[in-house]
mmCIF file of all heavy atoms, coordinates in Angstrom:
data_MODEL
# 
_entry.id   MODEL 
# 
loop_
_atom_site.group_PDB 
_atom_site.id 
_atom_site.type_symbol 
_atom_site.label_atom_id 
_atom_site.label_alt_id 
_atom_site.label_comp_id 
_atom_site.label_asym_id 
_atom_site.label_entity_id 
_atom_site.label_seq_id 
_atom_site.pdbx_PDB_ins_code 
_atom_site.Cartn_x 
_atom_site.Cartn_y 
_atom_site.Cartn_z 
_atom_site.occupancy 
_atom_site.B_iso_or_equiv 
_atom_site.pdbx_formal_charge 
_atom_site.auth_seq_id 
_atom_site.auth_comp_id 
_atom_site.auth_asym_id 
_atom_site.auth_atom_id 
_atom_site.pdbx_PDB_model_num 
ATOM 1   N N   . HIS A 1 1  ? 93.968 118.355 -27.270 1.00 0.00 ? 1  HIS A N   1 
ATOM 2   C CA  . HIS A 1 1  ? 92.827 118.086 -26.542 1.00 0.00 ? 1  HIS A CA  1 
ATOM 3   C C   . HIS A 1 1  ? 92.557 119.302 -25.456 1.00 0.00 ? 1  HIS A C   1 
ATOM 4   O O   . HIS A 1 1  ? 91.341 119.609 -25.125 1.00 0.00 ? 1  HIS A O   1 
ATOM 5   C CB  . HIS A 1 1  ? 93.188 116.685 -25.727 1.00 0.00 ? 1  HIS A CB  1 
ATOM 6   C CG  . HIS A 1 1  ? 91.856 115.951 -25.359 1.00 0.00 ? 1  HIS A CG  1 
ATOM 7   N ND1 . HIS A 1 1  ? 90.999 116.435 -24.233 1.00 0.00 ? 1  HIS A ND1 1 
ATOM 8   C CD2 . HIS A 1 1  ? 91.326 114.938 -25.778 1.00 0.00 ? 1  HIS A CD2 1 
ATOM 9   C CE1 . HIS A 1 1  ? 90.071 115.512 -24.222 1.00 0.00 ? 1  HIS A CE1 1 
ATOM 10  N NE2 . HIS A 1 1  ? 90.207 114.652 -24.983 1.00 0.00 ? 1  HIS A NE2 1 
ATOM 11  N N   . LEU A 1 2  ? 93.571 119.742 -24.732 1.00 0.00 ? 2  LEU A N   1 
ATOM 12  C CA  . LEU A 1 2  ? 93.497 120.570 -23.666 1.00 0.00 ? 2  LEU A CA  1 
ATOM 13  C C   . LEU A 1 2  ? 92.940 121.938 -24.224 1.00 0.00 ? 2  LEU A C   1 
ATOM 14  O O   . LEU A 1 2  ? 92.118 122.766 -23.461 1.00 0.00 ? 2  LEU A O   1 
ATOM 15  C CB  . LEU A 1 2  ? 94.873 120.871 -22.997 1.00 0.00 ? 2  LEU A CB  1 
ATOM 16  C CG  . LEU A 1 2  ? 95.318 119.783 -22.175 1.00 0.00 ? 2  LEU A CG  1 
ATOM 17  C CD1 . LEU A 1 2  ? 96.789 120.111 -21.703 1.00 0.00 ? 2  LEU A CD1 1 
ATOM 18  C CD2 . LEU A 1 2  ? 94.535 119.709 -20.837 1.00 0.00 ? 2  LEU A CD2 1 
ATOM 19  N N   . THR A 1 3  ? 93.255 122.292 -25.464 1.00 0.00 ? 3  THR A N   1 
ATOM 20  C CA  . THR A 1 3  ? 92.812 123.624 -26.051 1.00 0.00 ? 3  THR A CA  1 
ATOM 21  C C   . THR A 1 3  ? 91.466 123.727 -26.746 1.00 0.00 ? 3  THR A C   1 
ATOM 22  O O   . THR A 1 3  ? 91.014 124.610 -27.106 1.00 0.00 ? 3  THR A O   1 
ATOM 23  C CB  . THR A 1 3  ? 93.805 124.124 -26.981 1.00 0.00 ? 3  THR A CB  1 
ATOM 24  O OG1 . THR A 1 3  ? 94.202 123.217 -27.958 1.00 0.00 ? 3  THR A OG1 1 
ATOM 25  C CG2 . THR A 1 3  ? 95.187 124.601 -26.396 1.00 0.00 ? 3  THR A CG2 1 
ATOM 26  N N   . HIS A 1 4  ? 90.946 122.391 -26.987 1.00 0.00 ? 4  HIS A N   1 
ATOM 27  C CA  . HIS A 1 4  ? 89.639 122.229 -27.639 1.00 0.00 ? 4  HIS A CA  1 
ATOM 28  C C   . HIS A 1 4  ? 88.486 121.504 -26.925 1.00 0.00 ? 4  HIS A C   1 
ATOM 29  O O   . HIS A 1 4  ? 87.325 121.735 -27.403 1.00 0.00 ? 4  HIS A O   1 
ATOM 30  C CB  . HIS A 1 4  ? 89.970 121.567 -28.989 1.00 0.00 ? 4  HIS A CB  1 
ATOM 31  C CG  . HIS A 1 4  ? 90.687 122.277 -29.908 1.00 0.00 ? 4  HIS A CG  1 
ATOM 32  N ND1 . HIS A 1 4  ? 92.190 122.396 -29.960 1.00 0.00 ? 4  HIS A ND1 1 
ATOM 33  C CD2 . HIS A 1 4  ? 90.396 123.100 -30.955 1.00 0.00 ? 4  HIS A CD2 1 
ATOM 34  C CE1 . HIS A 1 4  ? 92.535 123.131 -30.962 1.00 0.00 ? 4  HIS A CE1 1 
ATOM 35  N NE2 . HIS A 1 4  ? 91.495 123.561 -31.654 1.00 0.00 ? 4  HIS A NE2 1 
ATOM 36  N N   . ILE A 1 5  ? 88.812 120.842 -25.852 1.00 0.00 ? 5  ILE A N   1 
ATOM 37  C CA  . ILE A 1 5  ? 87.793 120.141 -25.133 1.00 0.00 ? 5  ILE A CA  1 
ATOM 38  C C   . ILE A 1 5  ? 87.830 120.560 -23.627 1.00 0.00 ? 5  ILE A C   1 
ATOM 39  O O   . ILE A 1 5  ? 88.755 120.169 -22.966 1.00 0.00 ? 5  ILE A O   1 
ATOM 40  C CB  . ILE A 1 5  ? 87.885 118.603 -25.317 1.00 0.00 ? 5  ILE A CB  1 
ATOM 41  C CG1 . ILE A 1 5  ? 87.839 118.192 -26.795 1.00 0.00 ? 5  ILE A CG1 1 
ATOM 42  C CG2 . ILE A 1 5  ? 86.674 117.852 -24.469 1.00 0.00 ? 5  ILE A CG2 1 
ATOM 43  C CD1 . ILE A 1 5  ? 88.154 116.748 -26.976 1.00 0.00 ? 5  ILE A CD1 1 
ATOM 44  N N   . PRO A 1 6  ? 86.978 121.430 -23.172 1.00 0.00 ? 6  PRO A N   1 
ATOM 45  C CA  . PRO A 1 6  ? 87.059 121.976 -21.813 1.00 0.00 ? 6  PRO A CA  1 
ATOM 46  C C   . PRO A 1 6  ? 86.753 121.032 -20.752 1.00 0.00 ? 6  PRO A C   1 
ATOM 47  O O   . PRO A 1 6  ? 86.025 120.083 -20.910 1.00 0.00 ? 6  PRO A O   1 
ATOM 48  C CB  . PRO A 1 6  ? 86.044 123.179 -21.923 1.00 0.00 ? 6  PRO A CB  1 
ATOM 49  C CG  . PRO A 1 6  ? 84.950 122.630 -22.957 1.00 0.00 ? 6  PRO A CG  1 
ATOM 50  C CD  . PRO A 1 6  ? 85.695 121.873 -23.954 1.00 0.00 ? 6  PRO A CD  1 
ATOM 51  N N   . TYR A 1 7  ? 87.314 121.388 -19.569 1.00 0.00 ? 7  TYR A N   1 
ATOM 52  C CA  . TYR A 1 7  ? 86.908 120.818 -18.337 1.00 0.00 ? 7  TYR A CA  1 
ATOM 53  C C   . TYR A 1 7  ? 85.494 121.540 -17.889 1.00 0.00 ? 7  TYR A C   1 
ATOM 54  O O   . TYR A 1 7  ? 85.423 122.706 -17.881 1.00 0.00 ? 7  TYR A O   1 
ATOM 55  C CB  . TYR A 1 7  ? 87.926 121.090 -17.279 1.00 0.00 ? 7  TYR A CB  1 
ATOM 56  C CG  . TYR A 1 7  ? 87.729 120.459 -15.976 1.00 0.00 ? 7  TYR A CG  1 
ATOM 57  C CD1 . TYR A 1 7  ? 88.516 119.434 -15.495 1.00 0.00 ? 7  TYR A CD1 1 
ATOM 58  C CD2 . TYR A 1 7  ? 86.851 120.927 -15.071 1.00 0.00 ? 7  TYR A CD2 1 
ATOM 59  C CE1 . TYR A 1 7  ? 88.343 118.851 -14.327 1.00 0.00 ? 7  TYR A CE1 1 
ATOM 60  C CE2 . TYR A 1 7  ? 86.603 120.297 -13.849 1.00 0.00 ? 7  TYR A CE2 1 
ATOM 61  C CZ  . TYR A 1 7  ? 87.368 119.277 -13.436 1.00 0.00 ? 7  TYR A CZ  1 
ATOM 62  O OH  . TYR A 1 7  ? 87.264 118.709 -12.284 1.00 0.00 ? 7  TYR A OH  1 
ATOM 63  N N   . GLU A 1 8  ? 84.542 120.659 -17.455 1.00 0.00 ? 8  GLU A N   1 
ATOM 64  C CA  . GLU A 1 8  ? 83.357 121.372 -16.993 1.00 0.00 ? 8  GLU A CA  1 
ATOM 65  C C   . GLU A 1 8  ? 82.482 120.284 -16.169 1.00 0.00 ? 8  GLU A C   1 
ATOM 66  O O   . GLU A 1 8  ? 82.668 119.041 -16.427 1.00 0.00 ? 8  GLU A O   1 
ATOM 67  C CB  . GLU A 1 8  ? 82.605 121.960 -18.047 1.00 0.00 ? 8  GLU A CB  1 
ATOM 68  C CG  . GLU A 1 8  ? 82.250 121.058 -19.229 1.00 0.00 ? 8  GLU A CG  1 
ATOM 69  C CD  . GLU A 1 8  ? 80.783 120.712 -19.477 1.00 0.00 ? 8  GLU A CD  1 
ATOM 70  O OE1 . GLU A 1 8  ? 80.162 120.535 -18.333 1.00 0.00 ? 8  GLU A OE1 1 
ATOM 71  O OE2 . GLU A 1 8  ? 80.407 120.442 -20.614 1.00 0.00 ? 8  GLU A OE2 1 
ATOM 72  N N   . ASN A 1 9  ? 81.703 120.856 -15.310 1.00 0.00 ? 9  ASN A N   1 
ATOM 73  C CA  . ASN A 1 9  ? 80.782 120.001 -14.377 1.00 0.00 ? 9  ASN A CA  1 
ATOM 74  C C   . ASN A 1 9  ? 79.501 120.229 -14.451 1.00 0.00 ? 9  ASN A C   1 
ATOM 75  O O   . ASN A 1 9  ? 78.549 120.151 -13.526 1.00 0.00 ? 9  ASN A O   1 
ATOM 76  C CB  . ASN A 1 9  ? 81.364 120.043 -12.820 1.00 0.00 ? 9  ASN A CB  1 
ATOM 77  C CG  . ASN A 1 9  ? 80.956 121.326 -12.242 1.00 0.00 ? 9  ASN A CG  1 
ATOM 78  O OD1 . ASN A 1 9  ? 81.107 122.449 -12.991 1.00 0.00 ? 9  ASN A OD1 1 
ATOM 79  N ND2 . ASN A 1 9  ? 80.639 121.298 -11.015 1.00 0.00 ? 9  ASN A ND2 1 
ATOM 80  N N   . ILE A 1 10 ? 78.928 120.825 -15.495 1.00 0.00 ? 10 ILE A N   1 
ATOM 81  C CA  . ILE A 1 10 ? 77.614 121.352 -15.668 1.00 0.00 ? 10 ILE A CA  1 
ATOM 82  C C   . ILE A 1 10 ? 76.528 120.202 -15.559 1.00 0.00 ? 10 ILE A C   1 
ATOM 83  O O   . ILE A 1 10 ? 75.457 120.431 -14.975 1.00 0.00 ? 10 ILE A O   1 
ATOM 84  C CB  . ILE A 1 10 ? 77.517 122.118 -17.023 1.00 0.00 ? 10 ILE A CB  1 
ATOM 85  C CG1 . ILE A 1 10 ? 78.378 123.301 -17.034 1.00 0.00 ? 10 ILE A CG1 1 
ATOM 86  C CG2 . ILE A 1 10 ? 76.081 122.564 -17.185 1.00 0.00 ? 10 ILE A CG2 1 
ATOM 87  C CD1 . ILE A 1 10 ? 78.509 124.149 -18.137 1.00 0.00 ? 10 ILE A CD1 1 
ATOM 88  N N   . ASP A 1 11 ? 76.750 119.023 -16.052 1.00 0.00 ? 11 ASP A N   1 
ATOM 89  C CA  . ASP A 1 11 ? 75.882 118.006 -15.952 1.00 0.00 ? 11 ASP A CA  1 
ATOM 90  C C   . ASP A 1 11 ? 75.691 117.627 -14.528 1.00 0.00 ? 11 ASP A C   1 
ATOM 91  O O   . ASP A 1 11 ? 74.571 117.223 -14.015 1.00 0.00 ? 11 ASP A O   1 
ATOM 92  C CB  . ASP A 1 11 ? 76.263 116.760 -16.688 1.00 0.00 ? 11 ASP A CB  1 
ATOM 93  C CG  . ASP A 1 11 ? 75.876 116.848 -18.297 1.00 0.00 ? 11 ASP A CG  1 
ATOM 94  O OD1 . ASP A 1 11 ? 75.221 117.793 -18.625 1.00 0.00 ? 11 ASP A OD1 1 
ATOM 95  O OD2 . ASP A 1 11 ? 76.357 115.958 -19.048 1.00 0.00 ? 11 ASP A OD2 1 
ATOM 96  N N   . VAL A 1 12 ? 76.736 117.547 -13.677 1.00 0.00 ? 12 VAL A N   1 
ATOM 97  C CA  . VAL A 1 12 ? 76.711 117.285 -12.305 1.00 0.00 ? 12 VAL A CA  1 
ATOM 98  C C   . VAL A 1 12 ? 75.748 118.316 -11.656 1.00 0.00 ? 12 VAL A C   1 
ATOM 99  O O   . VAL A 1 12 ? 74.823 117.954 -10.790 1.00 0.00 ? 12 VAL A O   1 
ATOM 100 C CB  . VAL A 1 12 ? 78.063 117.356 -11.652 1.00 0.00 ? 12 VAL A CB  1 
ATOM 101 C CG1 . VAL A 1 12 ? 78.009 117.087 -10.115 1.00 0.00 ? 12 VAL A CG1 1 
ATOM 102 C CG2 . VAL A 1 12 ? 78.934 116.170 -12.191 1.00 0.00 ? 12 VAL A CG2 1 
ATOM 103 N N   . LEU A 1 13 ? 75.762 119.569 -11.898 1.00 0.00 ? 13 LEU A N   1 
ATOM 104 C CA  . LEU A 1 13 ? 74.992 120.614 -11.368 1.00 0.00 ? 13 LEU A CA  1 
ATOM 105 C C   . LEU A 1 13 ? 73.630 120.357 -11.755 1.00 0.00 ? 13 LEU A C   1 
ATOM 106 O O   . LEU A 1 13 ? 72.613 120.697 -11.016 1.00 0.00 ? 13 LEU A O   1 
ATOM 107 C CB  . LEU A 1 13 ? 75.539 122.016 -11.789 1.00 0.00 ? 13 LEU A CB  1 
ATOM 108 C CG  . LEU A 1 13 ? 76.803 122.514 -11.387 1.00 0.00 ? 13 LEU A CG  1 
ATOM 109 C CD1 . LEU A 1 13 ? 76.987 123.927 -11.846 1.00 0.00 ? 13 LEU A CD1 1 
ATOM 110 C CD2 . LEU A 1 13 ? 76.830 122.476 -9.829  1.00 0.00 ? 13 LEU A CD2 1 
ATOM 111 N N   . ASN A 1 14 ? 73.281 119.901 -12.961 1.00 0.00 ? 14 ASN A N   1 
ATOM 112 C CA  . ASN A 1 14 ? 72.037 119.587 -13.377 1.00 0.00 ? 14 ASN A CA  1 
ATOM 113 C C   . ASN A 1 14 ? 71.420 118.201 -12.854 1.00 0.00 ? 14 ASN A C   1 
ATOM 114 O O   . ASN A 1 14 ? 70.288 117.829 -13.213 1.00 0.00 ? 14 ASN A O   1 
ATOM 115 C CB  . ASN A 1 14 ? 71.984 119.506 -14.943 1.00 0.00 ? 14 ASN A CB  1 
ATOM 116 C CG  . ASN A 1 14 ? 71.780 120.933 -15.577 1.00 0.00 ? 14 ASN A CG  1 
ATOM 117 O OD1 . ASN A 1 14 ? 70.948 121.585 -14.976 1.00 0.00 ? 14 ASN A OD1 1 
ATOM 118 N ND2 . ASN A 1 14 ? 72.454 121.230 -16.706 1.00 0.00 ? 14 ASN A ND2 1 
ATOM 119 N N   . ARG A 1 15 ? 72.361 117.585 -12.094 1.00 0.00 ? 15 ARG A N   1 
ATOM 120 C CA  . ARG A 1 15 ? 71.912 116.271 -11.566 1.00 0.00 ? 15 ARG A CA  1 
ATOM 121 C C   . ARG A 1 15 ? 71.660 115.225 -12.608 1.00 0.00 ? 15 ARG A C   1 
ATOM 122 O O   . ARG A 1 15 ? 70.774 114.435 -12.538 1.00 0.00 ? 15 ARG A O   1 
ATOM 123 C CB  . ARG A 1 15 ? 70.705 116.372 -10.615 1.00 0.00 ? 15 ARG A CB  1 
ATOM 124 C CG  . ARG A 1 15 ? 70.811 117.414 -9.504  1.00 0.00 ? 15 ARG A CG  1 
ATOM 125 C CD  . ARG A 1 15 ? 72.041 116.863 -8.543  1.00 0.00 ? 15 ARG A CD  1 
ATOM 126 N NE  . ARG A 1 15 ? 72.092 117.753 -7.288  1.00 0.00 ? 15 ARG A NE  1 
ATOM 127 C CZ  . ARG A 1 15 ? 72.932 118.798 -7.127  1.00 0.00 ? 15 ARG A CZ  1 
ATOM 128 N NH1 . ARG A 1 15 ? 73.780 119.035 -8.082  1.00 0.00 ? 15 ARG A NH1 1 
ATOM 129 N NH2 . ARG A 1 15 ? 72.898 119.380 -5.983  1.00 0.00 ? 15 ARG A NH2 1 
ATOM 130 N N   . LYS A 1 16 ? 72.421 115.408 -13.757 1.00 0.00 ? 16 LYS A N   1 
ATOM 131 C CA  . LYS A 1 16 ? 72.244 114.477 -14.870 1.00 0.00 ? 16 LYS A CA  1 
ATOM 132 C C   . LYS A 1 16 ? 73.343 113.395 -14.664 1.00 0.00 ? 16 LYS A C   1 
ATOM 133 O O   . LYS A 1 16 ? 74.510 113.725 -14.545 1.00 0.00 ? 16 LYS A O   1 
ATOM 134 C CB  . LYS A 1 16 ? 72.543 115.201 -16.242 1.00 0.00 ? 16 LYS A CB  1 
ATOM 135 C CG  . LYS A 1 16 ? 72.304 114.258 -17.377 1.00 0.00 ? 16 LYS A CG  1 
ATOM 136 C CD  . LYS A 1 16 ? 72.529 115.072 -18.742 1.00 0.00 ? 16 LYS A CD  1 
ATOM 137 C CE  . LYS A 1 16 ? 72.304 114.209 -19.919 1.00 0.00 ? 16 LYS A CE  1 
ATOM 138 N NZ  . LYS A 1 16 ? 72.394 114.929 -21.211 1.00 0.00 ? 16 LYS A NZ  1 
ATOM 139 N N   . PRO A 1 17 ? 72.942 112.083 -14.640 1.00 0.00 ? 17 PRO A N   1 
ATOM 140 C CA  . PRO A 1 17 ? 73.938 111.053 -14.349 1.00 0.00 ? 17 PRO A CA  1 
ATOM 141 C C   . PRO A 1 17 ? 75.094 111.061 -15.406 1.00 0.00 ? 17 PRO A C   1 
ATOM 142 O O   . PRO A 1 17 ? 74.798 111.255 -16.511 1.00 0.00 ? 17 PRO A O   1 
ATOM 143 C CB  . PRO A 1 17 ? 73.058 109.826 -14.417 1.00 0.00 ? 17 PRO A CB  1 
ATOM 144 C CG  . PRO A 1 17 ? 71.717 110.167 -14.111 1.00 0.00 ? 17 PRO A CG  1 
ATOM 145 C CD  . PRO A 1 17 ? 71.528 111.618 -14.620 1.00 0.00 ? 17 PRO A CD  1 
ATOM 146 N N   . ILE A 1 18 ? 76.280 110.927 -14.924 1.00 0.00 ? 18 ILE A N   1 
ATOM 147 C CA  . ILE A 1 18 ? 77.394 110.770 -15.774 1.00 0.00 ? 18 ILE A CA  1 
ATOM 148 C C   . ILE A 1 18 ? 77.642 109.371 -16.332 1.00 0.00 ? 18 ILE A C   1 
ATOM 149 O O   . ILE A 1 18 ? 77.714 108.580 -15.397 1.00 0.00 ? 18 ILE A O   1 
ATOM 150 C CB  . ILE A 1 18 ? 78.708 111.309 -15.066 1.00 0.00 ? 18 ILE A CB  1 
ATOM 151 C CG1 . ILE A 1 18 ? 78.503 112.770 -14.636 1.00 0.00 ? 18 ILE A CG1 1 
ATOM 152 C CG2 . ILE A 1 18 ? 79.852 111.339 -16.028 1.00 0.00 ? 18 ILE A CG2 1 
ATOM 153 C CD1 . ILE A 1 18 ? 78.361 113.826 -15.605 1.00 0.00 ? 18 ILE A CD1 1 
ATOM 154 N N   . SER A 1 19 ? 77.752 109.256 -17.557 1.00 0.00 ? 19 SER A N   1 
ATOM 155 C CA  . SER A 1 19 ? 77.997 107.918 -18.122 1.00 0.00 ? 19 SER A CA  1 
ATOM 156 C C   . SER A 1 19 ? 79.587 107.870 -18.529 1.00 0.00 ? 19 SER A C   1 
ATOM 157 O O   . SER A 1 19 ? 80.030 108.795 -19.139 1.00 0.00 ? 19 SER A O   1 
ATOM 158 C CB  . SER A 1 19 ? 77.190 107.593 -19.347 1.00 0.00 ? 19 SER A CB  1 
ATOM 159 O OG  . SER A 1 19 ? 77.679 106.394 -20.032 1.00 0.00 ? 19 SER A OG  1 
ATOM 160 N N   . LEU A 1 20 ? 80.261 106.848 -18.146 1.00 0.00 ? 20 LEU A N   1 
ATOM 161 C CA  . LEU A 1 20 ? 81.581 106.659 -18.606 1.00 0.00 ? 20 LEU A CA  1 
ATOM 162 C C   . LEU A 1 20 ? 81.737 105.654 -19.809 1.00 0.00 ? 20 LEU A C   1 
ATOM 163 O O   . LEU A 1 20 ? 82.900 105.286 -20.012 1.00 0.00 ? 20 LEU A O   1 
ATOM 164 C CB  . LEU A 1 20 ? 82.493 106.217 -17.370 1.00 0.00 ? 20 LEU A CB  1 
ATOM 165 C CG  . LEU A 1 20 ? 82.405 107.227 -16.143 1.00 0.00 ? 20 LEU A CG  1 
ATOM 166 C CD1 . LEU A 1 20 ? 83.338 106.678 -15.001 1.00 0.00 ? 20 LEU A CD1 1 
ATOM 167 C CD2 . LEU A 1 20 ? 82.832 108.660 -16.634 1.00 0.00 ? 20 LEU A CD2 1 
ATOM 168 N N   . GLU A 1 21 ? 80.599 105.351 -20.268 1.00 0.00 ? 21 GLU A N   1 
ATOM 169 C CA  . GLU A 1 21 ? 80.605 104.292 -21.427 1.00 0.00 ? 21 GLU A CA  1 
ATOM 170 C C   . GLU A 1 21 ? 81.400 104.932 -22.584 1.00 0.00 ? 21 GLU A C   1 
ATOM 171 O O   . GLU A 1 21 ? 81.140 106.285 -22.918 1.00 0.00 ? 21 GLU A O   1 
ATOM 172 C CB  . GLU A 1 21 ? 79.364 103.888 -21.831 1.00 0.00 ? 21 GLU A CB  1 
ATOM 173 C CG  . GLU A 1 21 ? 78.711 102.948 -20.820 1.00 0.00 ? 21 GLU A CG  1 
ATOM 174 C CD  . GLU A 1 21 ? 79.387 101.605 -20.555 1.00 0.00 ? 21 GLU A CD  1 
ATOM 175 O OE1 . GLU A 1 21 ? 79.889 101.092 -21.687 1.00 0.00 ? 21 GLU A OE1 1 
ATOM 176 O OE2 . GLU A 1 21 ? 79.373 101.126 -19.487 1.00 0.00 ? 21 GLU A OE2 1 
ATOM 177 N N   . SER A 1 22 ? 82.287 104.319 -23.408 1.00 0.00 ? 22 SER A N   1 
ATOM 178 C CA  . SER A 1 22 ? 83.056 104.917 -24.459 1.00 0.00 ? 22 SER A CA  1 
ATOM 179 C C   . SER A 1 22 ? 82.145 105.689 -25.516 1.00 0.00 ? 22 SER A C   1 
ATOM 180 O O   . SER A 1 22 ? 82.521 106.797 -25.920 1.00 0.00 ? 22 SER A O   1 
ATOM 181 C CB  . SER A 1 22 ? 83.866 103.968 -25.158 1.00 0.00 ? 22 SER A CB  1 
ATOM 182 O OG  . SER A 1 22 ? 83.114 102.913 -25.817 1.00 0.00 ? 22 SER A OG  1 
ATOM 183 N N   . GLN A 1 23 ? 81.064 105.097 -25.873 1.00 0.00 ? 23 GLN A N   1 
ATOM 184 C CA  . GLN A 1 23 ? 80.287 105.862 -26.952 1.00 0.00 ? 23 GLN A CA  1 
ATOM 185 C C   . GLN A 1 23 ? 79.517 107.117 -26.383 1.00 0.00 ? 23 GLN A C   1 
ATOM 186 O O   . GLN A 1 23 ? 79.310 108.114 -27.044 1.00 0.00 ? 23 GLN A O   1 
ATOM 187 C CB  . GLN A 1 23 ? 79.213 104.833 -27.572 1.00 0.00 ? 23 GLN A CB  1 
ATOM 188 C CG  . GLN A 1 23 ? 79.897 103.725 -28.231 1.00 0.00 ? 23 GLN A CG  1 
ATOM 189 C CD  . GLN A 1 23 ? 80.965 104.138 -29.247 1.00 0.00 ? 23 GLN A CD  1 
ATOM 190 O OE1 . GLN A 1 23 ? 80.652 105.034 -30.124 1.00 0.00 ? 23 GLN A OE1 1 
ATOM 191 N NE2 . GLN A 1 23 ? 82.023 103.387 -29.278 1.00 0.00 ? 23 GLN A NE2 1 
ATOM 192 N N   . ASP A 1 24 ? 79.079 107.003 -25.035 1.00 0.00 ? 24 ASP A N   1 
ATOM 193 C CA  . ASP A 1 24 ? 78.489 108.104 -24.501 1.00 0.00 ? 24 ASP A CA  1 
ATOM 194 C C   . ASP A 1 24 ? 79.380 109.282 -24.236 1.00 0.00 ? 24 ASP A C   1 
ATOM 195 O O   . ASP A 1 24 ? 79.158 110.443 -24.435 1.00 0.00 ? 24 ASP A O   1 
ATOM 196 C CB  . ASP A 1 24 ? 77.878 107.677 -23.011 1.00 0.00 ? 24 ASP A CB  1 
ATOM 197 C CG  . ASP A 1 24 ? 76.592 106.729 -23.160 1.00 0.00 ? 24 ASP A CG  1 
ATOM 198 O OD1 . ASP A 1 24 ? 76.002 106.693 -24.215 1.00 0.00 ? 24 ASP A OD1 1 
ATOM 199 O OD2 . ASP A 1 24 ? 76.392 105.951 -22.179 1.00 0.00 ? 24 ASP A OD2 1 
ATOM 200 N N   . LEU A 1 25 ? 80.652 108.933 -23.931 1.00 0.00 ? 25 LEU A N   1 
ATOM 201 C CA  . LEU A 1 25 ? 81.579 110.029 -23.814 1.00 0.00 ? 25 LEU A CA  1 
ATOM 202 C C   . LEU A 1 25 ? 81.871 110.687 -25.122 1.00 0.00 ? 25 LEU A C   1 
ATOM 203 O O   . LEU A 1 25 ? 82.028 111.931 -25.279 1.00 0.00 ? 25 LEU A O   1 
ATOM 204 C CB  . LEU A 1 25 ? 82.972 109.385 -23.269 1.00 0.00 ? 25 LEU A CB  1 
ATOM 205 C CG  . LEU A 1 25 ? 83.176 108.893 -21.887 1.00 0.00 ? 25 LEU A CG  1 
ATOM 206 C CD1 . LEU A 1 25 ? 84.354 108.091 -21.561 1.00 0.00 ? 25 LEU A CD1 1 
ATOM 207 C CD2 . LEU A 1 25 ? 82.748 109.949 -20.937 1.00 0.00 ? 25 LEU A CD2 1 
ATOM 208 N N   . PHE A 1 26 ? 81.933 109.895 -26.158 1.00 0.00 ? 26 PHE A N   1 
ATOM 209 C CA  . PHE A 1 26 ? 82.096 110.428 -27.467 1.00 0.00 ? 26 PHE A CA  1 
ATOM 210 C C   . PHE A 1 26 ? 80.939 111.257 -27.994 1.00 0.00 ? 26 PHE A C   1 
ATOM 211 O O   . PHE A 1 26 ? 81.242 112.359 -28.437 1.00 0.00 ? 26 PHE A O   1 
ATOM 212 C CB  . PHE A 1 26 ? 82.299 109.184 -28.501 1.00 0.00 ? 26 PHE A CB  1 
ATOM 213 C CG  . PHE A 1 26 ? 82.692 109.634 -29.915 1.00 0.00 ? 26 PHE A CG  1 
ATOM 214 C CD1 . PHE A 1 26 ? 83.985 109.885 -30.362 1.00 0.00 ? 26 PHE A CD1 1 
ATOM 215 C CD2 . PHE A 1 26 ? 81.720 110.027 -31.001 1.00 0.00 ? 26 PHE A CD2 1 
ATOM 216 C CE1 . PHE A 1 26 ? 84.182 110.352 -31.630 1.00 0.00 ? 26 PHE A CE1 1 
ATOM 217 C CE2 . PHE A 1 26 ? 81.991 110.351 -32.105 1.00 0.00 ? 26 PHE A CE2 1 
ATOM 218 C CZ  . PHE A 1 26 ? 83.214 110.601 -32.576 1.00 0.00 ? 26 PHE A CZ  1 
# 
């Protein structure tokens, strides 16, 4: 997971709401 899925906050910078729903995360 650590080597293939990066940490990033680009949606926050774009003021795009973050969804924590399981299917949205997927």
